[in-house]
Amino acid sequence: MSWNRYRFRSVWELPEAPERVYAVLERAEEYPEWWPQVRSVARVDESSGTARFRSLLPYELEIGARMTRRDPEARVLEIRMSGDLEGFARWTVRARGSGTSALYEQEVVVRKPLMRLLALPGRPFFLINHALMMRGGRRGLLLRLRSGLDEP
């Protein structure tokens, strides 16, 4: 097992229409407006950009992101990441009952030197840090949708 490899899977059950949820998730440049742990997103061109993240622990991750799949019909968004994290992240948005199930999957290898150095003792803290980030994102997305600020 590589202590620097992570696989995450989060499911957000949301009481909103999947079209609305997908529409917010596909506008990554707006994530910092509703997801507190996403500090910045900058578009480089039509299919790539950079992002900075920071959750509870006192370190920041910076990544380059390149869109590899944007499928509004299937409601799937996928990026390749480079920089402090190398791998992919994917959103799959599905109707569930009268609401939405948004599945987030991420498989990455950590490249940030400090995190690599602390891989073994820090792993439980890194996992908690990620869980807190996802919790903050779900809460922010719900507030965005409920406030009606999700319209472009």
N, C-alpha and C. Protein backbone atom coordinates (compact mmCIF):
# COMPACT_ATOMS: atom_id res chain seq x y z
N MET A 1 0.84 -1.19 0.00
CA MET A 1 0.00 0.00 0.00
C MET A 1 0.88 1.25 0.00
N SER A 2 0.57 2.17 -0.87
CA SER A 2 1.26 3.45 -0.90
C SER A 2 0.54 4.40 0.06
N TRP A 3 1.26 4.93 1.01
CA TRP A 3 0.66 5.84 1.99
C TRP A 3 0.31 7.19 1.37
N ASN A 4 0.78 7.42 0.15
CA ASN A 4 0.50 8.68 -0.54
C ASN A 4 -0.62 8.57 -1.57
N ARG A 5 -1.27 7.45 -1.63
CA ARG A 5 -2.37 7.22 -2.57
C ARG A 5 -3.69 7.27 -1.78
N TYR A 6 -4.65 7.99 -2.35
CA TYR A 6 -5.96 8.13 -1.70
C TYR A 6 -7.07 7.87 -2.70
N ARG A 7 -8.10 7.25 -2.22
CA ARG A 7 -9.33 7.03 -2.99
C ARG A 7 -10.48 7.49 -2.12
N PHE A 8 -11.24 8.47 -2.64
CA PHE A 8 -12.36 9.03 -1.90
C PHE A 8 -13.65 8.79 -2.66
N ARG A 9 -14.71 8.63 -1.89
CA ARG A 9 -16.05 8.47 -2.47
C ARG A 9 -17.03 9.12 -1.51
N SER A 10 -17.74 10.13 -1.98
CA SER A 10 -18.74 10.83 -1.17
C SER A 10 -20.04 10.89 -1.96
N VAL A 11 -21.14 10.72 -1.26
CA VAL A 11 -22.46 10.83 -1.88
C VAL A 11 -23.22 11.92 -1.15
N TRP A 12 -23.65 12.90 -1.93
CA TRP A 12 -24.45 13.99 -1.38
C TRP A 12 -25.89 13.78 -1.83
N GLU A 13 -26.78 13.51 -0.89
CA GLU A 13 -28.21 13.44 -1.18
C GLU A 13 -28.77 14.84 -1.02
N LEU A 14 -29.36 15.36 -2.07
CA LEU A 14 -29.82 16.75 -2.08
C LEU A 14 -31.29 16.83 -2.50
N PRO A 15 -32.09 17.67 -1.84
CA PRO A 15 -33.52 17.77 -2.17
C PRO A 15 -33.80 18.74 -3.32
N GLU A 16 -32.97 18.72 -4.33
CA GLU A 16 -33.10 19.62 -5.48
C GLU A 16 -33.04 18.81 -6.76
N ALA A 17 -33.49 19.40 -7.86
CA ALA A 17 -33.50 18.73 -9.16
C ALA A 17 -32.07 18.50 -9.64
N PRO A 18 -31.81 17.34 -10.25
CA PRO A 18 -30.45 17.04 -10.71
C PRO A 18 -29.92 18.04 -11.74
N GLU A 19 -30.78 18.62 -12.54
CA GLU A 19 -30.34 19.62 -13.53
C GLU A 19 -29.74 20.84 -12.83
N ARG A 20 -30.36 21.26 -11.75
CA ARG A 20 -29.85 22.41 -11.00
C ARG A 20 -28.53 22.07 -10.34
N VAL A 21 -28.43 20.89 -9.74
CA VAL A 21 -27.20 20.49 -9.07
C VAL A 21 -26.06 20.41 -10.08
N TYR A 22 -26.30 19.76 -11.20
CA TYR A 22 -25.28 19.63 -12.24
C TYR A 22 -24.84 21.01 -12.73
N ALA A 23 -25.79 21.90 -12.93
CA ALA A 23 -25.48 23.24 -13.44
C ALA A 23 -24.53 23.99 -12.50
N VAL A 24 -24.72 23.83 -11.20
CA VAL A 24 -23.81 24.49 -10.24
C VAL A 24 -22.45 23.80 -10.26
N LEU A 25 -22.44 22.48 -10.26
CA LEU A 25 -21.17 21.74 -10.22
C LEU A 25 -20.33 21.95 -11.47
N GLU A 26 -20.94 22.21 -12.61
CA GLU A 26 -20.15 22.38 -13.83
C GLU A 26 -19.49 23.75 -13.91
N ARG A 27 -19.90 24.69 -13.06
CA ARG A 27 -19.30 26.03 -13.04
C ARG A 27 -18.24 26.09 -11.94
N ALA A 28 -17.14 25.39 -12.17
CA ALA A 28 -16.08 25.27 -11.16
C ALA A 28 -15.51 26.62 -10.74
N GLU A 29 -15.49 27.59 -11.65
CA GLU A 29 -14.93 28.90 -11.31
C GLU A 29 -15.75 29.60 -10.22
N GLU A 30 -16.98 29.13 -9.96
CA GLU A 30 -17.82 29.71 -8.91
C GLU A 30 -17.73 28.94 -7.59
N TYR A 31 -17.00 27.84 -7.53
CA TYR A 31 -16.91 27.06 -6.29
C TYR A 31 -16.51 27.91 -5.08
N PRO A 32 -15.52 28.82 -5.20
CA PRO A 32 -15.15 29.60 -4.01
C PRO A 32 -16.29 30.44 -3.44
N GLU A 33 -17.32 30.71 -4.22
CA GLU A 33 -18.47 31.49 -3.74
C GLU A 33 -19.34 30.69 -2.78
N TRP A 34 -19.32 29.36 -2.87
CA TRP A 34 -20.20 28.57 -2.01
C TRP A 34 -19.49 27.45 -1.26
N TRP A 35 -18.26 27.12 -1.64
CA TRP A 35 -17.52 26.03 -0.99
C TRP A 35 -16.34 26.66 -0.25
N PRO A 36 -16.46 26.84 1.07
CA PRO A 36 -15.45 27.60 1.83
C PRO A 36 -14.01 27.08 1.70
N GLN A 37 -13.83 25.80 1.54
CA GLN A 37 -12.50 25.23 1.48
C GLN A 37 -11.84 25.37 0.11
N VAL A 38 -12.61 25.74 -0.89
CA VAL A 38 -12.04 26.01 -2.22
C VAL A 38 -11.69 27.49 -2.22
N ARG A 39 -10.41 27.78 -2.08
CA ARG A 39 -9.95 29.16 -1.90
C ARG A 39 -9.94 29.95 -3.20
N SER A 40 -9.58 29.29 -4.30
CA SER A 40 -9.59 29.99 -5.58
C SER A 40 -9.66 29.00 -6.73
N VAL A 41 -10.25 29.45 -7.82
CA VAL A 41 -10.27 28.71 -9.07
C VAL A 41 -10.01 29.74 -10.16
N ALA A 42 -9.04 29.46 -11.01
CA ALA A 42 -8.72 30.37 -12.12
C ALA A 42 -8.74 29.58 -13.42
N ARG A 43 -9.51 30.07 -14.36
CA ARG A 43 -9.58 29.43 -15.67
C ARG A 43 -8.33 29.79 -16.47
N VAL A 44 -7.72 28.79 -17.10
CA VAL A 44 -6.59 29.01 -17.99
C VAL A 44 -7.08 29.10 -19.43
N ASP A 45 -7.94 28.15 -19.81
CA ASP A 45 -8.57 28.17 -21.13
C ASP A 45 -9.91 27.44 -21.01
N GLU A 46 -10.50 27.05 -22.12
CA GLU A 46 -11.83 26.43 -22.11
C GLU A 46 -11.89 25.10 -21.36
N SER A 47 -10.78 24.40 -21.26
CA SER A 47 -10.83 23.08 -20.63
C SER A 47 -9.83 22.89 -19.49
N SER A 48 -9.18 23.97 -19.04
CA SER A 48 -8.23 23.79 -17.95
C SER A 48 -8.19 25.02 -17.05
N GLY A 49 -7.63 24.80 -15.85
CA GLY A 49 -7.53 25.88 -14.89
C GLY A 49 -6.66 25.45 -13.71
N THR A 50 -6.63 26.29 -12.70
CA THR A 50 -5.91 25.99 -11.47
C THR A 50 -6.86 26.19 -10.30
N ALA A 51 -6.57 25.53 -9.20
CA ALA A 51 -7.40 25.67 -8.00
C ALA A 51 -6.52 25.53 -6.76
N ARG A 52 -6.94 26.22 -5.70
CA ARG A 52 -6.29 26.12 -4.40
C ARG A 52 -7.34 25.71 -3.36
N PHE A 53 -6.95 24.77 -2.48
CA PHE A 53 -7.84 24.25 -1.44
C PHE A 53 -7.17 24.35 -0.09
N ARG A 54 -7.97 24.58 0.93
CA ARG A 54 -7.48 24.49 2.30
C ARG A 54 -8.68 24.18 3.18
N SER A 55 -8.54 23.12 3.97
CA SER A 55 -9.59 22.74 4.90
C SER A 55 -9.14 23.12 6.30
N LEU A 56 -9.26 22.25 7.27
CA LEU A 56 -8.93 22.57 8.66
C LEU A 56 -7.43 22.61 8.92
N LEU A 57 -6.69 21.65 8.38
CA LEU A 57 -5.26 21.60 8.64
C LEU A 57 -4.54 22.78 7.98
N PRO A 58 -3.43 23.23 8.57
CA PRO A 58 -2.76 24.44 8.09
C PRO A 58 -1.84 24.20 6.89
N TYR A 59 -2.38 23.68 5.82
CA TYR A 59 -1.64 23.57 4.57
C TYR A 59 -2.62 23.78 3.43
N GLU A 60 -2.08 24.22 2.32
CA GLU A 60 -2.89 24.48 1.13
C GLU A 60 -2.42 23.56 0.01
N LEU A 61 -3.38 23.10 -0.79
CA LEU A 61 -3.06 22.29 -1.96
C LEU A 61 -3.34 23.13 -3.20
N GLU A 62 -2.43 23.06 -4.16
CA GLU A 62 -2.64 23.74 -5.43
C GLU A 62 -2.57 22.71 -6.55
N ILE A 63 -3.56 22.75 -7.41
CA ILE A 63 -3.61 21.79 -8.51
C ILE A 63 -3.85 22.49 -9.84
N GLY A 64 -3.42 21.81 -10.88
CA GLY A 64 -3.84 22.14 -12.23
C GLY A 64 -4.94 21.15 -12.57
N ALA A 65 -5.98 21.60 -13.25
CA ALA A 65 -7.10 20.73 -13.61
C ALA A 65 -7.38 20.83 -15.10
N ARG A 66 -7.61 19.68 -15.71
CA ARG A 66 -7.97 19.65 -17.13
C ARG A 66 -9.23 18.82 -17.28
N MET A 67 -10.26 19.40 -17.88
CA MET A 67 -11.53 18.71 -18.08
C MET A 67 -11.32 17.54 -19.04
N THR A 68 -11.70 16.35 -18.61
CA THR A 68 -11.60 15.17 -19.48
C THR A 68 -12.97 14.66 -19.89
N ARG A 69 -14.00 15.06 -19.14
CA ARG A 69 -15.36 14.68 -19.52
C ARG A 69 -16.33 15.70 -18.98
N ARG A 70 -17.17 16.19 -19.87
CA ARG A 70 -18.26 17.09 -19.50
C ARG A 70 -19.46 16.62 -20.30
N ASP A 71 -20.35 15.88 -19.64
CA ASP A 71 -21.46 15.24 -20.33
C ASP A 71 -22.78 15.65 -19.66
N PRO A 72 -23.41 16.73 -20.15
CA PRO A 72 -24.66 17.19 -19.53
C PRO A 72 -25.79 16.18 -19.59
N GLU A 73 -25.84 15.35 -20.63
CA GLU A 73 -26.90 14.34 -20.73
C GLU A 73 -26.76 13.28 -19.64
N ALA A 74 -25.55 12.76 -19.48
CA ALA A 74 -25.30 11.76 -18.44
C ALA A 74 -25.05 12.42 -17.09
N ARG A 75 -24.88 13.75 -17.09
CA ARG A 75 -24.58 14.54 -15.89
C ARG A 75 -23.31 14.04 -15.21
N VAL A 76 -22.24 13.96 -16.00
CA VAL A 76 -20.93 13.54 -15.49
C VAL A 76 -19.91 14.62 -15.80
N LEU A 77 -19.11 14.95 -14.79
CA LEU A 77 -18.00 15.90 -14.92
C LEU A 77 -16.75 15.21 -14.40
N GLU A 78 -15.67 15.28 -15.16
CA GLU A 78 -14.43 14.63 -14.72
C GLU A 78 -13.24 15.49 -15.10
N ILE A 79 -12.28 15.56 -14.18
CA ILE A 79 -11.04 16.29 -14.43
C ILE A 79 -9.84 15.41 -14.13
N ARG A 80 -8.72 15.72 -14.78
CA ARG A 80 -7.40 15.18 -14.44
C ARG A 80 -6.71 16.26 -13.63
N MET A 81 -6.01 15.86 -12.59
CA MET A 81 -5.32 16.80 -11.72
C MET A 81 -3.81 16.59 -11.79
N SER A 82 -3.09 17.70 -11.65
CA SER A 82 -1.64 17.66 -11.55
C SER A 82 -1.24 18.68 -10.48
N GLY A 83 -0.01 18.64 -10.07
CA GLY A 83 0.44 19.56 -9.03
C GLY A 83 0.56 18.83 -7.71
N ASP A 84 0.00 19.40 -6.64
CA ASP A 84 0.10 18.78 -5.31
C ASP A 84 -0.65 17.46 -5.23
N LEU A 85 -1.65 17.28 -6.09
CA LEU A 85 -2.38 16.02 -6.21
C LEU A 85 -2.35 15.61 -7.67
N GLU A 86 -2.11 14.35 -7.92
CA GLU A 86 -2.09 13.86 -9.30
C GLU A 86 -3.10 12.71 -9.40
N GLY A 87 -4.03 12.83 -10.33
CA GLY A 87 -5.05 11.80 -10.49
C GLY A 87 -6.29 12.37 -11.13
N PHE A 88 -7.45 11.91 -10.66
CA PHE A 88 -8.70 12.40 -11.24
C PHE A 88 -9.74 12.63 -10.17
N ALA A 89 -10.75 13.42 -10.53
CA ALA A 89 -11.94 13.62 -9.70
C ALA A 89 -13.13 13.60 -10.64
N ARG A 90 -14.25 13.03 -10.17
CA ARG A 90 -15.44 12.90 -11.01
C ARG A 90 -16.71 13.14 -10.19
N TRP A 91 -17.62 13.93 -10.76
CA TRP A 91 -18.98 14.08 -10.25
C TRP A 91 -19.91 13.31 -11.16
N THR A 92 -20.82 12.53 -10.58
CA THR A 92 -21.89 11.88 -11.30
C THR A 92 -23.19 12.26 -10.60
N VAL A 93 -24.06 12.95 -11.30
CA VAL A 93 -25.29 13.49 -10.72
C VAL A 93 -26.47 12.70 -11.27
N ARG A 94 -27.28 12.14 -10.37
CA ARG A 94 -28.42 11.31 -10.76
C ARG A 94 -29.67 11.73 -10.00
N ALA A 95 -30.81 11.55 -10.65
CA ALA A 95 -32.09 11.75 -9.98
C ALA A 95 -32.25 10.64 -8.95
N ARG A 96 -32.78 11.00 -7.81
CA ARG A 96 -33.06 10.00 -6.77
C ARG A 96 -34.33 10.44 -6.06
N GLY A 97 -35.41 9.71 -6.29
CA GLY A 97 -36.70 10.10 -5.73
C GLY A 97 -37.07 11.47 -6.27
N SER A 98 -37.40 12.38 -5.36
CA SER A 98 -37.75 13.74 -5.79
C SER A 98 -36.55 14.67 -5.72
N GLY A 99 -35.38 14.12 -5.49
CA GLY A 99 -34.18 14.94 -5.37
C GLY A 99 -33.04 14.43 -6.22
N THR A 100 -31.83 14.54 -5.68
CA THR A 100 -30.61 14.24 -6.42
C THR A 100 -29.61 13.51 -5.55
N SER A 101 -28.89 12.61 -6.18
CA SER A 101 -27.74 11.97 -5.57
C SER A 101 -26.52 12.40 -6.38
N ALA A 102 -25.59 13.11 -5.73
CA ALA A 102 -24.37 13.56 -6.39
C ALA A 102 -23.21 12.74 -5.84
N LEU A 103 -22.63 11.91 -6.69
CA LEU A 103 -21.51 11.04 -6.30
C LEU A 103 -20.21 11.72 -6.67
N TYR A 104 -19.32 11.88 -5.69
CA TYR A 104 -17.99 12.43 -5.93
C TYR A 104 -16.98 11.31 -5.74
N GLU A 105 -16.16 11.09 -6.76
CA GLU A 105 -15.10 10.08 -6.68
C GLU A 105 -13.78 10.76 -6.99
N GLN A 106 -12.76 10.38 -6.25
CA GLN A 106 -11.44 10.95 -6.46
C GLN A 106 -10.39 9.88 -6.18
N GLU A 107 -9.43 9.76 -7.09
CA GLU A 107 -8.28 8.89 -6.88
C GLU A 107 -7.05 9.72 -7.18
N VAL A 108 -6.19 9.87 -6.18
CA VAL A 108 -5.03 10.73 -6.33
C VAL A 108 -3.80 10.16 -5.64
N VAL A 109 -2.66 10.63 -6.10
CA VAL A 109 -1.39 10.42 -5.42
C VAL A 109 -0.94 11.80 -4.96
N VAL A 110 -0.55 11.90 -3.70
CA VAL A 110 -0.09 13.17 -3.15
C VAL A 110 1.33 13.44 -3.62
N ARG A 111 1.55 14.65 -4.14
CA ARG A 111 2.88 15.07 -4.58
C ARG A 111 3.46 16.18 -3.71
N LYS A 112 2.63 16.79 -2.86
CA LYS A 112 3.11 17.87 -1.99
C LYS A 112 4.16 17.30 -1.03
N PRO A 113 5.39 17.86 -1.06
CA PRO A 113 6.49 17.28 -0.27
C PRO A 113 6.19 17.10 1.22
N LEU A 114 5.61 18.11 1.88
CA LEU A 114 5.34 17.99 3.31
C LEU A 114 4.36 16.85 3.60
N MET A 115 3.33 16.72 2.78
CA MET A 115 2.36 15.64 2.99
C MET A 115 3.00 14.28 2.74
N ARG A 116 3.90 14.20 1.79
CA ARG A 116 4.60 12.93 1.53
C ARG A 116 5.47 12.56 2.73
N LEU A 117 6.14 13.56 3.29
CA LEU A 117 7.00 13.33 4.45
C LEU A 117 6.19 12.84 5.65
N LEU A 118 4.99 13.37 5.80
CA LEU A 118 4.12 13.02 6.93
C LEU A 118 3.09 11.95 6.58
N ALA A 119 3.32 11.23 5.50
CA ALA A 119 2.32 10.29 4.96
C ALA A 119 1.80 9.31 6.01
N LEU A 120 2.65 8.64 6.72
CA LEU A 120 2.19 7.62 7.67
C LEU A 120 1.53 8.23 8.91
N PRO A 121 2.21 9.11 9.65
CA PRO A 121 1.54 9.64 10.85
C PRO A 121 0.39 10.60 10.52
N GLY A 122 0.45 11.24 9.35
CA GLY A 122 -0.57 12.23 9.02
C GLY A 122 -1.81 11.69 8.35
N ARG A 123 -1.75 10.45 7.87
CA ARG A 123 -2.86 9.91 7.08
C ARG A 123 -4.24 10.05 7.75
N PRO A 124 -4.39 9.68 9.01
CA PRO A 124 -5.72 9.83 9.62
C PRO A 124 -6.20 11.28 9.63
N PHE A 125 -5.28 12.20 9.83
CA PHE A 125 -5.64 13.62 9.84
C PHE A 125 -5.99 14.11 8.44
N PHE A 126 -5.27 13.62 7.44
CA PHE A 126 -5.57 14.00 6.05
C PHE A 126 -6.97 13.50 5.66
N LEU A 127 -7.31 12.30 6.11
CA LEU A 127 -8.63 11.74 5.81
C LEU A 127 -9.74 12.56 6.47
N ILE A 128 -9.53 12.94 7.72
CA ILE A 128 -10.51 13.77 8.43
C ILE A 128 -10.62 15.13 7.75
N ASN A 129 -9.47 15.69 7.36
CA ASN A 129 -9.45 16.98 6.69
C ASN A 129 -10.29 16.94 5.41
N HIS A 130 -10.14 15.87 4.64
CA HIS A 130 -10.93 15.73 3.41
C HIS A 130 -12.42 15.60 3.73
N ALA A 131 -12.76 14.81 4.74
CA ALA A 131 -14.17 14.64 5.13
C ALA A 131 -14.78 15.98 5.53
N LEU A 132 -14.03 16.79 6.26
CA LEU A 132 -14.54 18.11 6.65
C LEU A 132 -14.72 19.01 5.43
N MET A 133 -13.82 18.90 4.48
CA MET A 133 -13.95 19.68 3.25
C MET A 133 -15.22 19.29 2.50
N MET A 134 -15.47 18.01 2.39
CA MET A 134 -16.66 17.55 1.68
C MET A 134 -17.94 17.96 2.42
N ARG A 135 -17.91 17.91 3.73
CA ARG A 135 -19.07 18.33 4.52
C ARG A 135 -19.35 19.83 4.28
N GLY A 136 -18.29 20.63 4.26
CA GLY A 136 -18.44 22.06 3.99
C GLY A 136 -18.98 22.31 2.59
N GLY A 137 -18.54 21.50 1.62
CA GLY A 137 -19.02 21.65 0.25
C GLY A 137 -20.48 21.33 0.12
N ARG A 138 -20.91 20.25 0.75
CA ARG A 138 -22.34 19.87 0.68
C ARG A 138 -23.20 20.96 1.30
N ARG A 139 -22.78 21.44 2.45
CA ARG A 139 -23.54 22.49 3.14
C ARG A 139 -23.61 23.76 2.27
N GLY A 140 -22.47 24.14 1.67
CA GLY A 140 -22.44 25.32 0.83
C GLY A 140 -23.30 25.18 -0.42
N LEU A 141 -23.29 24.00 -1.01
CA LEU A 141 -24.11 23.76 -2.21
C LEU A 141 -25.59 23.85 -1.87
N LEU A 142 -25.97 23.26 -0.75
CA LEU A 142 -27.38 23.34 -0.34
C LEU A 142 -27.81 24.79 -0.13
N LEU A 143 -26.97 25.57 0.53
CA LEU A 143 -27.30 26.99 0.76
C LEU A 143 -27.40 27.74 -0.56
N ARG A 144 -26.50 27.44 -1.48
CA ARG A 144 -26.52 28.10 -2.79
C ARG A 144 -27.83 27.78 -3.52
N LEU A 145 -28.22 26.51 -3.52
CA LEU A 145 -29.44 26.11 -4.21
C LEU A 145 -30.69 26.68 -3.53
N ARG A 146 -30.71 26.64 -2.22
CA ARG A 146 -31.89 27.13 -1.49
C ARG A 146 -32.05 28.66 -1.59
N SER A 147 -30.94 29.36 -1.76
CA SER A 147 -31.01 30.82 -1.83
C SER A 147 -31.37 31.32 -3.23
N GLY A 148 -31.35 30.38 -4.20
CA GLY A 148 -31.64 30.78 -5.57
C GLY A 148 -30.46 31.42 -6.28
N LEU A 149 -29.28 31.37 -5.68
CA LEU A 149 -28.09 31.97 -6.28
C LEU A 149 -27.43 31.03 -7.29
N ASP A 150 -28.07 29.94 -7.61
CA ASP A 150 -27.48 28.97 -8.53
C ASP A 150 -27.68 29.34 -10.00
N GLU A 151 -28.48 30.36 -10.27
CA GLU A 151 -28.70 30.77 -11.66
C GLU A 151 -27.47 31.51 -12.17
N PRO A 152 -27.03 31.19 -13.40
CA PRO A 152 -25.83 31.87 -13.92
C PRO A 152 -26.06 33.34 -14.18
